């Protein structure tokens, strides 16, 4: 709000704010007096910093036109839907909710909802569908579908379970892209993404084979609701 006011504008009346949280861990040096008084050899201690802010989106503000003219423009693209690819999503049994908002793509197992950027933010229709396939593949792991361990259990970013789930989703997306006939346009990105997570798993062949099997089940579920057997 202070930023909007400082630019000669204001937040529109009645607009609701969103709370964002900032936190970090800092290493703080102990003083000589503290080291003498405490039974520890650690010369540093960890300090947790937590703050929250109420913010508004640009669309919720009224700003002078000269200020708006200086803002970076978001690149948008026009592309026609790929009917064969769209039919796969439309035919998925027991589908999750899909909403288009923001600039990030993600799946929430808590709400069973996929969030995707608006279609015009994708470079191509193929990239849009590949991203959609990745997220719906995550959604197959929900307890009311395939009940996949890598979705149902909490896993920190970069952990083996997290990396395995990313492999499952991306390989499933690759299978679906092949089914839709759009593999050639996105295969390099998919290969690079898979390779990155394989490094996290230190190229563990057993985990790769397991992820590939789970990915086939996910793709089969999306295509006809019946996962293949192991």
C-alpha atoms as a PDB file:
ATOM      1  CA  UNK A   1       0.000   0.000   0.000  1.00  0.00           C
ATOM      2  CA  UNK A   2       2.867   2.369   0.826  1.00  0.00           C
ATOM      3  CA  UNK A   3       4.429   1.644  -2.560  1.00  0.00           C
ATOM      4  CA  UNK A   4       1.179   2.460  -4.373  1.00  0.00           C
ATOM      5  CA  UNK A   5       0.741   5.669  -2.396  1.00  0.00           C
ATOM      6  CA  UNK A   6       4.363   6.636  -2.974  1.00  0.00           C
ATOM      7  CA  UNK A   7       3.856   6.319  -6.733  1.00  0.00           C
ATOM      8  CA  UNK A   8       0.936   8.725  -6.614  1.00  0.00           C
ATOM      9  CA  UNK A   9      -1.726   6.029  -6.685  1.00  0.00           C
ATOM     10  CA  UNK A  10      -3.751   3.971  -4.240  1.00  0.00           C
ATOM     11  CA  UNK A  11      -5.311   0.576  -3.605  1.00  0.00           C
ATOM     12  CA  UNK A  12      -8.893   0.471  -4.862  1.00  0.00           C
ATOM     13  CA  UNK A  13     -11.485   0.771  -2.122  1.00  0.00           C
ATOM     14  CA  UNK A  14     -12.835  -2.591  -1.013  1.00  0.00           C
ATOM     15  CA  UNK A  15      -9.934  -4.658  -2.370  1.00  0.00           C
ATOM     16  CA  UNK A  16      -8.757  -7.400  -0.004  1.00  0.00           C
ATOM     17  CA  UNK A  17      -5.073  -7.966   0.712  1.00  0.00           C
ATOM     18  CA  UNK A  18      -3.144 -11.224   0.614  1.00  0.00           C
ATOM     19  CA  UNK A  19      -0.776 -12.206   3.418  1.00  0.00           C
ATOM     20  CA  UNK A  20       2.730 -13.195   2.371  1.00  0.00           C
ATOM     21  CA  UNK A  21       5.245 -14.622   4.828  1.00  0.00           C
ATOM     22  CA  UNK A  22       8.991 -14.024   4.765  1.00  0.00           C
ATOM     23  CA  UNK A  23      11.302 -16.136   6.879  1.00  0.00           C
ATOM     24  CA  UNK A  24      14.945 -17.086   6.979  1.00  0.00           C
ATOM     25  CA  UNK A  25      17.519 -18.598   9.299  1.00  0.00           C
ATOM     26  CA  UNK A  26      20.557 -16.491  10.207  1.00  0.00           C
ATOM     27  CA  UNK A  27      23.807 -17.557  11.836  1.00  0.00           C
ATOM     28  CA  UNK A  28      24.679 -15.083  14.564  1.00  0.00           C
ATOM     29  CA  UNK A  29      28.086 -14.926  16.257  1.00  0.00           C
ATOM     30  CA  UNK A  30      28.082 -15.402  20.010  1.00  0.00           C
ATOM     31  CA  UNK A  31      29.811 -12.807  22.152  1.00  0.00           C
ATOM     32  CA  UNK A  32      32.798 -13.729  24.313  1.00  0.00           C
ATOM     33  CA  UNK A  33      30.629 -13.214  27.401  1.00  0.00           C
ATOM     34  CA  UNK A  34      28.017 -15.642  26.086  1.00  0.00           C
ATOM     35  CA  UNK A  35      30.640 -18.269  25.326  1.00  0.00           C
ATOM     36  CA  UNK A  36      32.001 -17.957  28.876  1.00  0.00           C
ATOM     37  CA  UNK A  37      28.538 -18.272  30.433  1.00  0.00           C
ATOM     38  CA  UNK A  38      27.252 -21.136  28.258  1.00  0.00           C
ATOM     39  CA  UNK A  39      28.551 -24.688  28.146  1.00  0.00           C
ATOM     40  CA  UNK A  40      29.020 -24.843  24.390  1.00  0.00           C
ATOM     41  CA  UNK A  41      31.810 -24.723  21.861  1.00  0.00           C
ATOM     42  CA  UNK A  42      29.571 -23.363  19.137  1.00  0.00           C
ATOM     43  CA  UNK A  43      30.725 -19.897  18.196  1.00  0.00           C
ATOM     44  CA  UNK A  44      27.518 -19.200  16.293  1.00  0.00           C
ATOM     45  CA  UNK A  45      23.844 -19.663  17.029  1.00  0.00           C
ATOM     46  CA  UNK A  46      20.853 -19.859  14.734  1.00  0.00           C
ATOM     47  CA  UNK A  47      18.298 -17.084  14.751  1.00  0.00           C
ATOM     48  CA  UNK A  48      14.926 -17.470  13.074  1.00  0.00           C
ATOM     49  CA  UNK A  49      13.475 -14.379  11.444  1.00  0.00           C
ATOM     50  CA  UNK A  50       9.761 -14.371  10.603  1.00  0.00           C
ATOM     51  CA  UNK A  51       7.752 -11.502   9.168  1.00  0.00           C
ATOM     52  CA  UNK A  52       4.473 -11.171   7.338  1.00  0.00           C
ATOM     53  CA  UNK A  53       3.150  -8.499   5.018  1.00  0.00           C
ATOM     54  CA  UNK A  54      -0.221  -7.636   3.545  1.00  0.00           C
ATOM     55  CA  UNK A  55       0.075  -7.017  -0.191  1.00  0.00           C
ATOM     56  CA  UNK A  56      -2.152  -6.198  -3.148  1.00  0.00           C
ATOM     57  CA  UNK A  57      -1.790  -7.173  -6.777  1.00  0.00           C
ATOM     58  CA  UNK A  58      -1.168  -4.511  -9.394  1.00  0.00           C
ATOM     59  CA  UNK A  59      -4.658  -5.095 -10.798  1.00  0.00           C
ATOM     60  CA  UNK A  60      -6.092  -4.035  -7.421  1.00  0.00           C
ATOM     61  CA  UNK A  61      -4.465  -0.610  -7.598  1.00  0.00           C
ATOM     62  CA  UNK A  62      -5.051   2.678  -9.378  1.00  0.00           C
ATOM     63  CA  UNK A  63      -1.735   4.111 -10.578  1.00  0.00           C
ATOM     64  CA  UNK A  64      -0.853   7.124 -12.764  1.00  0.00           C
ATOM     65  CA  UNK A  65      -0.486   6.258 -16.451  1.00  0.00           C
ATOM     66  CA  UNK A  66       3.204   7.354 -16.606  1.00  0.00           C
ATOM     67  CA  UNK A  67       3.944   4.770 -13.899  1.00  0.00           C
ATOM     68  CA  UNK A  68       2.029   2.059 -15.754  1.00  0.00           C
ATOM     69  CA  UNK A  69       3.879   2.886 -18.982  1.00  0.00           C
ATOM     70  CA  UNK A  70       7.200   2.119 -17.275  1.00  0.00           C
ATOM     71  CA  UNK A  71       6.169  -1.323 -16.056  1.00  0.00           C
ATOM     72  CA  UNK A  72       7.588  -4.338 -17.945  1.00  0.00           C
ATOM     73  CA  UNK A  73       5.142  -5.895 -20.371  1.00  0.00           C
ATOM     74  CA  UNK A  74       4.152  -9.537 -19.989  1.00  0.00           C
ATOM     75  CA  UNK A  75       4.761 -11.390 -23.234  1.00  0.00           C
ATOM     76  CA  UNK A  76       1.655 -13.209 -24.438  1.00  0.00           C
ATOM     77  CA  UNK A  77       1.144 -15.660 -27.273  1.00  0.00           C
ATOM     78  CA  UNK A  78      -1.772 -16.664 -29.441  1.00  0.00           C
ATOM     79  CA  UNK A  79      -2.093 -20.313 -30.372  1.00  0.00           C
ATOM     80  CA  UNK A  80      -4.905 -22.635 -31.348  1.00  0.00           C
ATOM     81  CA  UNK A  81      -5.850 -25.531 -29.033  1.00  0.00           C
ATOM     82  CA  UNK A  82      -4.681 -28.992 -30.025  1.00  0.00           C
ATOM     83  CA  UNK A  83      -7.884 -31.013 -30.178  1.00  0.00           C
ATOM     84  CA  UNK A  84      -6.277 -34.443 -29.741  1.00  0.00           C
ATOM     85  CA  UNK A  85      -4.388 -33.236 -26.685  1.00  0.00           C
ATOM     86  CA  UNK A  86      -7.406 -31.486 -25.195  1.00  0.00           C
ATOM     87  CA  UNK A  87      -9.532 -34.624 -25.577  1.00  0.00           C
ATOM     88  CA  UNK A  88      -7.184 -36.549 -23.290  1.00  0.00           C
ATOM     89  CA  UNK A  89      -7.770 -34.060 -20.475  1.00  0.00           C
ATOM     90  CA  UNK A  90     -11.505 -33.891 -21.154  1.00  0.00           C
ATOM     91  CA  UNK A  91     -11.750 -37.683 -21.002  1.00  0.00           C
ATOM     92  CA  UNK A  92      -9.883 -38.154 -17.719  1.00  0.00           C
ATOM     93  CA  UNK A  93     -12.115 -39.969 -15.211  1.00  0.00           C
ATOM     94  CA  UNK A  94     -12.682 -38.383 -11.798  1.00  0.00           C
ATOM     95  CA  UNK A  95     -10.617 -35.320 -12.776  1.00  0.00           C
ATOM     96  CA  UNK A  96      -9.251 -32.700 -10.367  1.00  0.00           C
ATOM     97  CA  UNK A  97     -10.380 -29.093 -10.558  1.00  0.00           C
ATOM     98  CA  UNK A  98      -8.297 -26.988 -12.950  1.00  0.00           C
ATOM     99  CA  UNK A  99      -8.064 -23.217 -12.552  1.00  0.00           C
ATOM    100  CA  UNK A 100      -6.109 -20.696 -14.609  1.00  0.00           C
ATOM    101  CA  UNK A 101      -4.431 -18.026 -12.496  1.00  0.00           C
ATOM    102  CA  UNK A 102      -1.028 -16.543 -11.698  1.00  0.00           C
ATOM    103  CA  UNK A 103       2.222 -17.453 -13.402  1.00  0.00           C
ATOM    104  CA  UNK A 104       3.100 -20.819 -11.800  1.00  0.00           C
ATOM    105  CA  UNK A 105       1.850 -24.340 -12.491  1.00  0.00           C
ATOM    106  CA  UNK A 106       1.284 -26.622  -9.513  1.00  0.00           C
ATOM    107  CA  UNK A 107      -0.992 -29.289  -8.035  1.00  0.00           C
ATOM    108  CA  UNK A 108      -2.334 -29.202  -4.464  1.00  0.00           C
ATOM    109  CA  UNK A 109      -3.252 -32.599  -3.050  1.00  0.00           C
ATOM    110  CA  UNK A 110      -4.972 -30.859  -0.117  1.00  0.00           C
ATOM    111  CA  UNK A 111      -7.567 -29.170  -2.338  1.00  0.00           C
ATOM    112  CA  UNK A 112      -7.177 -31.615  -5.229  1.00  0.00           C
ATOM    113  CA  UNK A 113      -6.801 -28.618  -7.511  1.00  0.00           C
ATOM    114  CA  UNK A 114      -4.439 -27.818 -10.383  1.00  0.00           C
ATOM    115  CA  UNK A 115      -3.434 -24.203 -10.947  1.00  0.00           C
ATOM    116  CA  UNK A 116      -2.076 -23.252 -14.362  1.00  0.00           C
ATOM    117  CA  UNK A 117      -1.057 -19.892 -15.838  1.00  0.00           C
ATOM    118  CA  UNK A 118      -3.482 -18.452 -18.415  1.00  0.00           C
ATOM    119  CA  UNK A 119      -3.083 -20.133 -21.799  1.00  0.00           C
ATOM    120  CA  UNK A 120      -1.663 -17.014 -23.461  1.00  0.00           C
ATOM    121  CA  UNK A 121       1.387 -17.055 -21.162  1.00  0.00           C
ATOM    122  CA  UNK A 122       2.620 -20.329 -22.645  1.00  0.00           C
ATOM    123  CA  UNK A 123       4.970 -20.095 -25.621  1.00  0.00           C
ATOM    124  CA  UNK A 124       3.007 -22.717 -27.532  1.00  0.00           C
ATOM    125  CA  UNK A 125      -0.028 -24.959 -27.261  1.00  0.00           C
ATOM    126  CA  UNK A 126       2.338 -27.946 -27.019  1.00  0.00           C
ATOM    127  CA  UNK A 127       4.110 -26.457 -23.974  1.00  0.00           C
ATOM    128  CA  UNK A 128       0.767 -25.698 -22.376  1.00  0.00           C
ATOM    129  CA  UNK A 129      -0.464 -29.271 -22.832  1.00  0.00           C
ATOM    130  CA  UNK A 130       2.817 -30.801 -21.659  1.00  0.00           C
ATOM    131  CA  UNK A 131       2.582 -28.730 -18.472  1.00  0.00           C
ATOM    132  CA  UNK A 132      -1.069 -29.680 -18.021  1.00  0.00           C
ATOM    133  CA  UNK A 133      -0.213 -33.361 -18.464  1.00  0.00           C
ATOM    134  CA  UNK A 134       2.536 -33.037 -15.840  1.00  0.00           C
ATOM    135  CA  UNK A 135       0.129 -31.595 -13.279  1.00  0.00           C
ATOM    136  CA  UNK A 136      -2.744 -34.020 -13.966  1.00  0.00           C
ATOM    137  CA  UNK A 137      -0.199 -36.828 -13.627  1.00  0.00           C
ATOM    138  CA  UNK A 138       0.570 -35.534 -10.124  1.00  0.00           C
ATOM    139  CA  UNK A 139      -3.175 -35.533  -9.444  1.00  0.00           C
ATOM    140  CA  UNK A 140      -3.453 -39.260 -10.228  1.00  0.00           C
ATOM    141  CA  UNK A 141      -1.551 -39.898  -6.996  1.00  0.00           C
ATOM    142  CA  UNK A 142      -4.407 -38.525  -4.868  1.00  0.00           C
ATOM    143  CA  UNK A 143      -5.910 -41.084  -2.422  1.00  0.00           C
ATOM    144  CA  UNK A 144      -9.186 -41.169  -4.365  1.00  0.00           C
ATOM    145  CA  UNK A 145      -7.326 -42.197  -7.530  1.00  0.00           C
ATOM    146  CA  UNK A 146      -4.095 -44.234  -7.471  1.00  0.00           C
ATOM    147  CA  UNK A 147      -3.152 -43.341  -3.869  1.00  0.00           C
ATOM    148  CA  UNK A 148       0.533 -42.956  -4.757  1.00  0.00           C
ATOM    149  CA  UNK A 149       2.921 -42.779  -1.805  1.00  0.00           C
ATOM    150  CA  UNK A 150       4.978 -39.964  -3.337  1.00  0.00           C
ATOM    151  CA  UNK A 151       1.867 -37.747  -3.302  1.00  0.00           C
ATOM    152  CA  UNK A 152       0.124 -38.879  -0.126  1.00  0.00           C
ATOM    153  CA  UNK A 153       3.220 -38.525   2.090  1.00  0.00           C
ATOM    154  CA  UNK A 154       4.743 -35.133   2.917  1.00  0.00           C
ATOM    155  CA  UNK A 155       8.142 -34.828   1.242  1.00  0.00           C
ATOM    156  CA  UNK A 156      10.553 -31.875   1.381  1.00  0.00           C
ATOM    157  CA  UNK A 157      11.758 -30.365  -1.886  1.00  0.00           C
ATOM    158  CA  UNK A 158      14.692 -32.292  -3.332  1.00  0.00           C
ATOM    159  CA  UNK A 159      14.155 -35.408  -1.202  1.00  0.00           C
ATOM    160  CA  UNK A 160      14.172 -38.847  -2.878  1.00  0.00           C
ATOM    161  CA  UNK A 161      10.372 -39.126  -2.555  1.00  0.00           C
ATOM    162  CA  UNK A 162       9.909 -35.655  -4.046  1.00  0.00           C
ATOM    163  CA  UNK A 163      12.337 -36.404  -6.872  1.00  0.00           C
ATOM    164  CA  UNK A 164      10.621 -39.714  -7.600  1.00  0.00           C
ATOM    165  CA  UNK A 165       7.229 -38.018  -7.829  1.00  0.00           C
ATOM    166  CA  UNK A 166       8.625 -35.441 -10.268  1.00  0.00           C
ATOM    167  CA  UNK A 167      10.005 -38.267 -12.413  1.00  0.00           C
ATOM    168  CA  UNK A 168       6.615 -40.015 -12.335  1.00  0.00           C
ATOM    169  CA  UNK A 169       4.779 -36.860 -13.406  1.00  0.00           C
ATOM    170  CA  UNK A 170       7.196 -35.925 -16.179  1.00  0.00           C
ATOM    171  CA  UNK A 171       7.473 -39.413 -17.636  1.00  0.00           C
ATOM    172  CA  UNK A 172       3.700 -39.774 -17.526  1.00  0.00           C
ATOM    173  CA  UNK A 173       3.441 -36.418 -19.311  1.00  0.00           C
ATOM    174  CA  UNK A 174       5.862 -37.703 -21.952  1.00  0.00           C
ATOM    175  CA  UNK A 175       3.696 -40.784 -22.518  1.00  0.00           C
ATOM    176  CA  UNK A 176       0.605 -38.582 -22.891  1.00  0.00           C
ATOM    177  CA  UNK A 177       2.386 -36.210 -25.281  1.00  0.00           C
ATOM    178  CA  UNK A 178       3.249 -39.208 -27.434  1.00  0.00           C
ATOM    179  CA  UNK A 179      -0.397 -40.312 -27.313  1.00  0.00           C
ATOM    180  CA  UNK A 180      -1.484 -36.827 -28.428  1.00  0.00           C
ATOM    181  CA  UNK A 181       1.155 -36.635 -31.158  1.00  0.00           C
ATOM    182  CA  UNK A 182       3.008 -33.604 -29.758  1.00  0.00           C
ATOM    183  CA  UNK A 183       6.193 -35.265 -28.450  1.00  0.00           C
ATOM    184  CA  UNK A 184       8.491 -33.747 -31.057  1.00  0.00           C
ATOM    185  CA  UNK A 185       7.770 -30.199 -29.875  1.00  0.00           C
ATOM    186  CA  UNK A 186       8.504 -30.774 -26.183  1.00  0.00           C
ATOM    187  CA  UNK A 187      10.738 -33.855 -25.919  1.00  0.00           C
ATOM    188  CA  UNK A 188      13.990 -31.907 -25.369  1.00  0.00           C
ATOM    189  CA  UNK A 189      12.553 -30.004 -22.405  1.00  0.00           C
ATOM    190  CA  UNK A 190      11.125 -33.192 -20.946  1.00  0.00           C
ATOM    191  CA  UNK A 191      14.433 -35.025 -21.307  1.00  0.00           C
ATOM    192  CA  UNK A 192      16.306 -32.187 -19.597  1.00  0.00           C
ATOM    193  CA  UNK A 193      13.789 -32.102 -16.744  1.00  0.00           C
ATOM    194  CA  UNK A 194      14.002 -35.854 -16.188  1.00  0.00           C
ATOM    195  CA  UNK A 195      17.806 -35.746 -16.331  1.00  0.00           C
ATOM    196  CA  UNK A 196      17.861 -33.070 -13.634  1.00  0.00           C
ATOM    197  CA  UNK A 197      15.838 -35.165 -11.194  1.00  0.00           C
ATOM    198  CA  UNK A 198      17.852 -38.278 -12.030  1.00  0.00           C
ATOM    199  CA  UNK A 199      20.918 -36.453 -10.727  1.00  0.00           C
ATOM    200  CA  UNK A 200      19.066 -35.876  -7.451  1.00  0.00           C
ATOM    201  CA  UNK A 201      18.565 -39.626  -7.226  1.00  0.00           C
ATOM    202  CA  UNK A 202      22.193 -40.227  -8.221  1.00  0.00           C
ATOM    203  CA  UNK A 203      21.017 -42.171 -11.253  1.00  0.00           C
ATOM    204  CA  UNK A 204      19.554 -44.929  -9.042  1.00  0.00           C
ATOM    205  CA  UNK A 205      18.316 -47.441 -11.612  1.00  0.00           C
ATOM    206  CA  UNK A 206      15.871 -49.142  -9.247  1.00  0.00           C
ATOM    207  CA  UNK A 207      14.108 -45.861  -8.493  1.00  0.00           C
ATOM    208  CA  UNK A 208      14.011 -44.992 -12.178  1.00  0.00           C
ATOM    209  CA  UNK A 209      12.380 -48.316 -13.051  1.00  0.00           C
ATOM    210  CA  UNK A 210       9.887 -47.839 -10.207  1.00  0.00           C
ATOM    211  CA  UNK A 211       9.091 -44.296 -11.342  1.00  0.00           C
ATOM    212  CA  UNK A 212       8.615 -45.447 -14.932  1.00  0.00           C
ATOM    213  CA  UNK A 213       6.129 -48.104 -13.817  1.00  0.00           C
ATOM    214  CA  UNK A 214       4.210 -45.589 -11.722  1.00  0.00           C
ATOM    215  CA  UNK A 215       4.247 -43.143 -14.648  1.00  0.00           C
ATOM    216  CA  UNK A 216       2.678 -45.764 -16.920  1.00  0.00           C
ATOM    217  CA  UNK A 217      -0.054 -46.347 -14.346  1.00  0.00           C
ATOM    218  CA  UNK A 218      -0.684 -42.607 -14.135  1.00  0.00           C
ATOM    219  CA  UNK A 219      -0.915 -42.243 -17.910  1.00  0.00           C
ATOM    220  CA  UNK A 220      -3.189 -45.276 -18.199  1.00  0.00           C
ATOM    221  CA  UNK A 221      -5.485 -43.857 -15.532  1.00  0.00           C
ATOM    222  CA  UNK A 222      -5.751 -40.516 -17.338  1.00  0.00           C
ATOM    223  CA  UNK A 223      -6.429 -42.231 -20.652  1.00  0.00           C
ATOM    224  CA  UNK A 224      -9.032 -44.754 -19.512  1.00  0.00           C
ATOM    225  CA  UNK A 225      -9.169 -44.966 -15.732  1.00  0.00           C
ATOM    226  CA  UNK A 226      -7.546 -48.390 -15.624  1.00  0.00           C
ATOM    227  CA  UNK A 227      -3.882 -48.510 -14.565  1.00  0.00           C
ATOM    228  CA  UNK A 228      -1.756 -51.215 -16.126  1.00  0.00           C
ATOM    229  CA  UNK A 229      -0.478 -54.116 -14.052  1.00  0.00           C
ATOM    230  CA  UNK A 230       3.137 -54.234 -12.852  1.00  0.00           C
END
